[in-house]
C-alpha atoms as a PDB file:
ATOM      1  CA  UNK A   1       6.570  19.394  37.604  1.00  0.00           C
ATOM      2  CA  UNK A   2       4.653  16.366  36.243  1.00  0.00           C
ATOM      3  CA  UNK A   3       6.540  13.149  35.568  1.00  0.00           C
ATOM      4  CA  UNK A   4       7.598  12.777  31.934  1.00  0.00           C
ATOM      5  CA  UNK A   5       5.100  10.458  30.180  1.00  0.00           C
ATOM      6  CA  UNK A   6       5.990   7.874  27.574  1.00  0.00           C
ATOM      7  CA  UNK A   7       3.356   9.242  25.193  1.00  0.00           C
ATOM      8  CA  UNK A   8       1.333  12.418  24.645  1.00  0.00           C
ATOM      9  CA  UNK A   9      -1.971  11.957  22.857  1.00  0.00           C
ATOM     10  CA  UNK A  10      -3.593  14.857  21.017  1.00  0.00           C
ATOM     11  CA  UNK A  11      -7.252  13.918  21.167  1.00  0.00           C
ATOM     12  CA  UNK A  12      -8.903  16.031  18.474  1.00  0.00           C
ATOM     13  CA  UNK A  13      -8.141  18.223  15.487  1.00  0.00           C
ATOM     14  CA  UNK A  14      -9.125  21.129  17.732  1.00  0.00           C
ATOM     15  CA  UNK A  15      -6.153  20.410  19.990  1.00  0.00           C
ATOM     16  CA  UNK A  16      -3.871  21.063  17.018  1.00  0.00           C
ATOM     17  CA  UNK A  17      -5.636  23.909  15.209  1.00  0.00           C
ATOM     18  CA  UNK A  18      -8.756  25.998  15.748  1.00  0.00           C
ATOM     19  CA  UNK A  19     -11.318  25.090  13.097  1.00  0.00           C
ATOM     20  CA  UNK A  20     -14.736  25.372  14.779  1.00  0.00           C
ATOM     21  CA  UNK A  21     -15.974  28.405  12.874  1.00  0.00           C
ATOM     22  CA  UNK A  22     -14.564  27.199   9.549  1.00  0.00           C
ATOM     23  CA  UNK A  23     -16.433  23.943  10.048  1.00  0.00           C
ATOM     24  CA  UNK A  24     -19.652  25.736  10.998  1.00  0.00           C
ATOM     25  CA  UNK A  25     -19.446  27.834   7.823  1.00  0.00           C
ATOM     26  CA  UNK A  26     -18.769  24.669   5.822  1.00  0.00           C
ATOM     27  CA  UNK A  27     -21.874  22.965   7.189  1.00  0.00           C
ATOM     28  CA  UNK A  28     -24.007  25.999   6.316  1.00  0.00           C
ATOM     29  CA  UNK A  29     -22.628  26.137   2.767  1.00  0.00           C
ATOM     30  CA  UNK A  30     -23.408  22.440   2.274  1.00  0.00           C
ATOM     31  CA  UNK A  31     -26.933  22.943   3.626  1.00  0.00           C
ATOM     32  CA  UNK A  32     -27.486  25.862   1.250  1.00  0.00           C
ATOM     33  CA  UNK A  33     -26.358  23.845  -1.771  1.00  0.00           C
ATOM     34  CA  UNK A  34     -28.702  21.011  -0.767  1.00  0.00           C
ATOM     35  CA  UNK A  35     -31.644  23.414  -0.678  1.00  0.00           C
ATOM     36  CA  UNK A  36     -32.142  22.992   3.068  1.00  0.00           C
ATOM     37  CA  UNK A  37     -33.503  25.823   5.166  1.00  0.00           C
ATOM     38  CA  UNK A  38     -30.917  25.088   7.855  1.00  0.00           C
ATOM     39  CA  UNK A  39     -28.497  27.578   9.344  1.00  0.00           C
ATOM     40  CA  UNK A  40     -26.255  26.890  12.332  1.00  0.00           C
ATOM     41  CA  UNK A  41     -25.318  30.051  14.232  1.00  0.00           C
ATOM     42  CA  UNK A  42     -22.277  30.280  16.487  1.00  0.00           C
ATOM     43  CA  UNK A  43     -24.114  29.709  19.769  1.00  0.00           C
ATOM     44  CA  UNK A  44     -26.226  26.869  18.404  1.00  0.00           C
ATOM     45  CA  UNK A  45     -23.159  25.205  16.893  1.00  0.00           C
ATOM     46  CA  UNK A  46     -21.249  25.467  20.170  1.00  0.00           C
ATOM     47  CA  UNK A  47     -24.087  23.543  21.817  1.00  0.00           C
ATOM     48  CA  UNK A  48     -24.018  20.916  19.054  1.00  0.00           C
ATOM     49  CA  UNK A  49     -20.319  20.317  19.684  1.00  0.00           C
ATOM     50  CA  UNK A  50     -21.274  18.721  22.991  1.00  0.00           C
ATOM     51  CA  UNK A  51     -21.989  15.625  20.866  1.00  0.00           C
ATOM     52  CA  UNK A  52     -18.868  14.743  18.828  1.00  0.00           C
ATOM     53  CA  UNK A  53     -19.199  13.640  15.194  1.00  0.00           C
ATOM     54  CA  UNK A  54     -20.284  15.704  12.194  1.00  0.00           C
ATOM     55  CA  UNK A  55     -22.414  12.978  10.600  1.00  0.00           C
ATOM     56  CA  UNK A  56     -24.139  12.335  13.911  1.00  0.00           C
ATOM     57  CA  UNK A  57     -24.879  16.057  14.236  1.00  0.00           C
ATOM     58  CA  UNK A  58     -26.474  16.174  10.784  1.00  0.00           C
ATOM     59  CA  UNK A  59     -28.578  13.078  11.479  1.00  0.00           C
ATOM     60  CA  UNK A  60     -29.749  14.393  14.854  1.00  0.00           C
ATOM     61  CA  UNK A  61     -30.673  17.785  13.394  1.00  0.00           C
ATOM     62  CA  UNK A  62     -32.606  16.150  10.554  1.00  0.00           C
ATOM     63  CA  UNK A  63     -34.573  14.030  13.022  1.00  0.00           C
ATOM     64  CA  UNK A  64     -35.314  17.081  15.159  1.00  0.00           C
ATOM     65  CA  UNK A  65     -36.651  18.974  12.128  1.00  0.00           C
ATOM     66  CA  UNK A  66     -38.480  16.046  10.549  1.00  0.00           C
ATOM     67  CA  UNK A  67     -36.304  16.225   7.417  1.00  0.00           C
ATOM     68  CA  UNK A  68     -34.993  13.336   5.342  1.00  0.00           C
ATOM     69  CA  UNK A  69     -31.437  13.875   4.100  1.00  0.00           C
ATOM     70  CA  UNK A  70     -28.539  11.885   2.670  1.00  0.00           C
ATOM     71  CA  UNK A  71     -26.226  12.244   5.657  1.00  0.00           C
ATOM     72  CA  UNK A  72     -23.128  10.858   3.931  1.00  0.00           C
ATOM     73  CA  UNK A  73     -23.532  13.074   0.848  1.00  0.00           C
ATOM     74  CA  UNK A  74     -24.248  16.154   2.943  1.00  0.00           C
ATOM     75  CA  UNK A  75     -21.215  15.513   5.123  1.00  0.00           C
ATOM     76  CA  UNK A  76     -19.007  14.956   2.068  1.00  0.00           C
ATOM     77  CA  UNK A  77     -20.133  18.348   0.722  1.00  0.00           C
ATOM     78  CA  UNK A  78     -19.302  19.910   4.077  1.00  0.00           C
ATOM     79  CA  UNK A  79     -15.797  18.396   3.994  1.00  0.00           C
ATOM     80  CA  UNK A  80     -15.269  19.763   0.466  1.00  0.00           C
ATOM     81  CA  UNK A  81     -16.189  23.256   1.630  1.00  0.00           C
ATOM     82  CA  UNK A  82     -13.993  22.845   4.696  1.00  0.00           C
ATOM     83  CA  UNK A  83     -11.050  21.942   2.464  1.00  0.00           C
ATOM     84  CA  UNK A  84     -11.634  25.040   0.325  1.00  0.00           C
ATOM     85  CA  UNK A  85     -12.005  27.357   3.314  1.00  0.00           C
ATOM     86  CA  UNK A  86      -8.951  25.890   5.043  1.00  0.00           C
ATOM     87  CA  UNK A  87      -6.835  26.437   1.922  1.00  0.00           C
ATOM     88  CA  UNK A  88      -8.225  29.939   1.479  1.00  0.00           C
ATOM     89  CA  UNK A  89      -7.878  31.095   5.095  1.00  0.00           C
ATOM     90  CA  UNK A  90      -4.946  28.900   6.128  1.00  0.00           C
ATOM     91  CA  UNK A  91      -4.571  26.810   9.276  1.00  0.00           C
ATOM     92  CA  UNK A  92      -2.049  27.396  12.049  1.00  0.00           C
ATOM     93  CA  UNK A  93      -1.112  25.374  15.086  1.00  0.00           C
ATOM     94  CA  UNK A  94      -2.630  26.536  18.348  1.00  0.00           C
ATOM     95  CA  UNK A  95      -0.473  28.323  20.887  1.00  0.00           C
ATOM     96  CA  UNK A  96       2.217  26.119  22.400  1.00  0.00           C
ATOM     97  CA  UNK A  97       1.513  23.050  20.267  1.00  0.00           C
ATOM     98  CA  UNK A  98       4.674  23.317  18.152  1.00  0.00           C
ATOM     99  CA  UNK A  99       6.875  23.559  21.265  1.00  0.00           C
ATOM    100  CA  UNK A 100       5.249  20.540  22.899  1.00  0.00           C
ATOM    101  CA  UNK A 101       5.626  18.430  19.752  1.00  0.00           C
ATOM    102  CA  UNK A 102       9.253  19.451  19.217  1.00  0.00           C
ATOM    103  CA  UNK A 103      10.293  18.859  22.834  1.00  0.00           C
ATOM    104  CA  UNK A 104       8.416  15.562  23.022  1.00  0.00           C
ATOM    105  CA  UNK A 105      10.335  14.294  19.997  1.00  0.00           C
ATOM    106  CA  UNK A 106      13.637  15.517  21.444  1.00  0.00           C
ATOM    107  CA  UNK A 107      12.839  13.787  24.738  1.00  0.00           C
ATOM    108  CA  UNK A 108      11.853  10.458  23.204  1.00  0.00           C
ATOM    109  CA  UNK A 109       8.186  10.877  24.125  1.00  0.00           C
ATOM    110  CA  UNK A 110       5.944   9.284  21.515  1.00  0.00           C
ATOM    111  CA  UNK A 111       3.042  11.233  20.043  1.00  0.00           C
ATOM    112  CA  UNK A 112      -0.432  10.006  19.197  1.00  0.00           C
ATOM    113  CA  UNK A 113      -3.451  11.563  17.510  1.00  0.00           C
ATOM    114  CA  UNK A 114      -6.468   9.890  19.134  1.00  0.00           C
ATOM    115  CA  UNK A 115      -9.262  11.478  17.123  1.00  0.00           C
ATOM    116  CA  UNK A 116     -12.525   9.888  16.016  1.00  0.00           C
ATOM    117  CA  UNK A 117     -13.192  12.364  13.226  1.00  0.00           C
ATOM    118  CA  UNK A 118     -13.423  11.084   9.652  1.00  0.00           C
ATOM    119  CA  UNK A 119     -10.277  10.067   7.797  1.00  0.00           C
ATOM    120  CA  UNK A 120     -11.010  12.641   5.077  1.00  0.00           C
ATOM    121  CA  UNK A 121     -10.907  15.429   7.669  1.00  0.00           C
ATOM    122  CA  UNK A 122      -7.729  14.023   9.221  1.00  0.00           C
ATOM    123  CA  UNK A 123      -6.080  14.085   5.778  1.00  0.00           C
ATOM    124  CA  UNK A 124      -7.291  17.642   5.218  1.00  0.00           C
ATOM    125  CA  UNK A 125      -5.806  18.838   8.509  1.00  0.00           C
ATOM    126  CA  UNK A 126      -2.376  17.392   7.799  1.00  0.00           C
ATOM    127  CA  UNK A 127      -2.427  18.708   4.223  1.00  0.00           C
ATOM    128  CA  UNK A 128      -3.127  22.235   5.471  1.00  0.00           C
ATOM    129  CA  UNK A 129      -0.621  22.122   8.325  1.00  0.00           C
ATOM    130  CA  UNK A 130       2.303  21.107   6.107  1.00  0.00           C
ATOM    131  CA  UNK A 131       5.514  22.667   7.347  1.00  0.00           C
ATOM    132  CA  UNK A 132       4.079  22.932  10.865  1.00  0.00           C
ATOM    133  CA  UNK A 133       3.332  19.297  11.713  1.00  0.00           C
ATOM    134  CA  UNK A 134       3.241  16.037   9.763  1.00  0.00           C
ATOM    135  CA  UNK A 135       1.912  12.511   9.991  1.00  0.00           C
ATOM    136  CA  UNK A 136       5.448  11.300  10.591  1.00  0.00           C
ATOM    137  CA  UNK A 137       5.461  13.086  13.952  1.00  0.00           C
ATOM    138  CA  UNK A 138       2.849  10.640  15.260  1.00  0.00           C
ATOM    139  CA  UNK A 139       3.283   6.977  16.198  1.00  0.00           C
ATOM    140  CA  UNK A 140      -0.493   6.512  16.130  1.00  0.00           C
ATOM    141  CA  UNK A 141      -3.193   8.328  14.134  1.00  0.00           C
ATOM    142  CA  UNK A 142      -6.833   7.451  14.719  1.00  0.00           C
ATOM    143  CA  UNK A 143     -10.019   8.140  12.786  1.00  0.00           C
ATOM    144  CA  UNK A 144     -13.702   7.229  12.903  1.00  0.00           C
ATOM    145  CA  UNK A 145     -13.269   4.111  10.755  1.00  0.00           C
ATOM    146  CA  UNK A 146     -10.999   2.451  13.331  1.00  0.00           C
ATOM    147  CA  UNK A 147     -13.616   2.280  16.085  1.00  0.00           C
ATOM    148  CA  UNK A 148     -17.210   1.168  16.502  1.00  0.00           C
ATOM    149  CA  UNK A 149     -18.099   4.094  18.775  1.00  0.00           C
ATOM    150  CA  UNK A 150     -17.055   7.746  18.650  1.00  0.00           C
ATOM    151  CA  UNK A 151     -16.131   9.752  21.711  1.00  0.00           C
ATOM    152  CA  UNK A 152     -17.106  10.083  24.514  1.00  0.00           C
ATOM    153  CA  UNK A 153     -16.530   6.329  24.268  1.00  0.00           C
ATOM    154  CA  UNK A 154     -12.947   5.555  25.397  1.00  0.00           C
ATOM    155  CA  UNK A 155     -12.512   3.038  22.558  1.00  0.00           C
ATOM    156  CA  UNK A 156     -10.073   5.136  20.491  1.00  0.00           C
ATOM    157  CA  UNK A 157      -7.831   5.676  23.512  1.00  0.00           C
ATOM    158  CA  UNK A 158      -7.741   1.973  24.293  1.00  0.00           C
ATOM    159  CA  UNK A 159      -6.850   1.297  20.667  1.00  0.00           C
ATOM    160  CA  UNK A 160      -4.066   3.894  20.824  1.00  0.00           C
ATOM    161  CA  UNK A 161      -2.616   2.356  23.983  1.00  0.00           C
ATOM    162  CA  UNK A 162      -2.725  -1.109  22.443  1.00  0.00           C
ATOM    163  CA  UNK A 163      -1.027   0.136  19.268  1.00  0.00           C
ATOM    164  CA  UNK A 164       1.700   1.914  21.260  1.00  0.00           C
ATOM    165  CA  UNK A 165       2.161  -1.028  23.626  1.00  0.00           C
ATOM    166  CA  UNK A 166       1.708   1.195  26.668  1.00  0.00           C
ATOM    167  CA  UNK A 167      -0.537   1.268  29.715  1.00  0.00           C
ATOM    168  CA  UNK A 168      -2.966   4.127  30.306  1.00  0.00           C
ATOM    169  CA  UNK A 169      -0.820   5.624  33.058  1.00  0.00           C
ATOM    170  CA  UNK A 170       2.135   5.876  30.665  1.00  0.00           C
ATOM    171  CA  UNK A 171       0.357   8.575  28.658  1.00  0.00           C
ATOM    172  CA  UNK A 172      -1.192  12.027  28.953  1.00  0.00           C
ATOM    173  CA  UNK A 173      -4.081  13.102  26.722  1.00  0.00           C
ATOM    174  CA  UNK A 174      -4.971  16.591  25.495  1.00  0.00           C
ATOM    175  CA  UNK A 175      -8.648  17.320  24.818  1.00  0.00           C
ATOM    176  CA  UNK A 176     -10.519  20.432  23.709  1.00  0.00           C
ATOM    177  CA  UNK A 177     -14.041  19.644  24.973  1.00  0.00           C
ATOM    178  CA  UNK A 178     -15.407  18.189  28.224  1.00  0.00           C
ATOM    179  CA  UNK A 179     -17.110  15.340  26.335  1.00  0.00           C
ATOM    180  CA  UNK A 180     -13.912  14.208  24.643  1.00  0.00           C
ATOM    181  CA  UNK A 181     -11.972  14.607  27.890  1.00  0.00           C
ATOM    182  CA  UNK A 182     -14.394  12.087  29.388  1.00  0.00           C
ATOM    183  CA  UNK A 183     -13.184   9.528  26.829  1.00  0.00           C
ATOM    184  CA  UNK A 184      -9.590   9.872  28.042  1.00  0.00           C
ATOM    185  CA  UNK A 185     -10.563   9.736  31.713  1.00  0.00           C
ATOM    186  CA  UNK A 186     -12.734   6.651  31.191  1.00  0.00           C
ATOM    187  CA  UNK A 187      -9.743   4.986  29.526  1.00  0.00           C
ATOM    188  CA  UNK A 188      -7.704   5.732  32.666  1.00  0.00           C
ATOM    189  CA  UNK A 189      -5.483   8.291  30.922  1.00  0.00           C
ATOM    190  CA  UNK A 190      -4.575  11.564  32.694  1.00  0.00           C
ATOM    191  CA  UNK A 191      -5.840  14.524  30.691  1.00  0.00           C
ATOM    192  CA  UNK A 192      -4.991  18.181  30.108  1.00  0.00           C
ATOM    193  CA  UNK A 193      -7.950  20.320  29.041  1.00  0.00           C
ATOM    194  CA  UNK A 194      -7.142  22.663  26.142  1.00  0.00           C
ATOM    195  CA  UNK A 195     -10.539  24.195  25.332  1.00  0.00           C
ATOM    196  CA  UNK A 196     -11.140  25.612  21.891  1.00  0.00           C
ATOM    197  CA  UNK A 197     -13.201  28.708  21.147  1.00  0.00           C
ATOM    198  CA  UNK A 198     -16.501  26.836  21.361  1.00  0.00           C
ATOM    199  CA  UNK A 199     -15.704  25.214  24.730  1.00  0.00           C
ATOM    200  CA  UNK A 200     -14.135  28.107  26.634  1.00  0.00           C
ATOM    201  CA  UNK A 201     -15.761  28.642  30.025  1.00  0.00           C
ATOM    202  CA  UNK A 202     -17.287  25.171  30.105  1.00  0.00           C
ATOM    203  CA  UNK A 203     -16.624  22.825  33.018  1.00  0.00           C
ATOM    204  CA  UNK A 204     -14.307  19.912  32.309  1.00  0.00           C
ATOM    205  CA  UNK A 205     -14.900  16.664  34.216  1.00  0.00           C
ATOM    206  CA  UNK A 206     -13.180  15.657  37.425  1.00  0.00           C
ATOM    207  CA  UNK A 207      -9.946  13.931  36.524  1.00  0.00           C
ATOM    208  CA  UNK A 208      -8.703  16.608  34.131  1.00  0.00           C
ATOM    209  CA  UNK A 209      -5.377  17.653  35.645  1.00  0.00           C
ATOM    210  CA  UNK A 210      -5.101  21.130  34.199  1.00  0.00           C
ATOM    211  CA  UNK A 211      -7.043  23.559  31.993  1.00  0.00           C
ATOM    212  CA  UNK A 212      -4.811  25.563  29.655  1.00  0.00           C
ATOM    213  CA  UNK A 213      -5.414  28.365  27.160  1.00  0.00           C
ATOM    214  CA  UNK A 214      -1.901  27.744  25.862  1.00  0.00           C
ATOM    215  CA  UNK A 215      -0.011  24.462  25.967  1.00  0.00           C
ATOM    216  CA  UNK A 216       3.294  24.524  27.792  1.00  0.00           C
ATOM    217  CA  UNK A 217       6.027  21.861  27.904  1.00  0.00           C
ATOM    218  CA  UNK A 218       5.822  21.971  31.716  1.00  0.00           C
ATOM    219  CA  UNK A 219       2.299  20.488  31.565  1.00  0.00           C
ATOM    220  CA  UNK A 220       3.948  17.245  30.451  1.00  0.00           C
ATOM    221  CA  UNK A 221       7.221  17.303  32.388  1.00  0.00           C
ATOM    222  CA  UNK A 222       9.124  18.344  29.262  1.00  0.00           C
ATOM    223  CA  UNK A 223      12.294  20.390  29.698  1.00  0.00           C
ATOM    224  CA  UNK A 224      14.367  22.294  27.198  1.00  0.00           C
ATOM    225  CA  UNK A 225      17.930  21.067  26.826  1.00  0.00           C
ATOM    226  CA  UNK A 226      20.380  23.121  28.864  1.00  0.00           C
END
């Protein structure tokens, strides 16, 4: 069994709850309202997720198509749709996440949320997971505004370690895509791969200790009290 870490870092909203298709639908609704002839299908969107960051995805797609758009306004419309869809459909924690969080807290293992998504999306996730997980469970919560570079840059992980006062080897990260896993590895943090729907079957980089469809306390050296 792995040695108990001092901190477990959830690296993305997708390590907590599956939202890929809700977000894809939200992008398409925002594009429709803006009068754009854009539509992101499931396979195309899965490919786009190789580059983290919703605003960056919009900007790259606009450049590719020779379109001029207000990236910030378009992304804000997407977030508004995402909030509505999340409230309508409901969000649930992914398999095993609740157990890992509960046992980590019981064992004195600190929790971090090392995401580089926008703060508005972070707020939305916690609002829609009320009763399942809360901000108070985490000793560190990141967002895009706290760093100069999004993942796969390791900057957010280095910031998390500095905030927690720990070294990289004191922690274990959880990531849902190979690109984001690279950020943890480049920061020197051991990583568990927990691929979401859009990343299943993809190859995670060397240095990822385990690939899991369901998180288990044993992945982190956590034990239930006798």
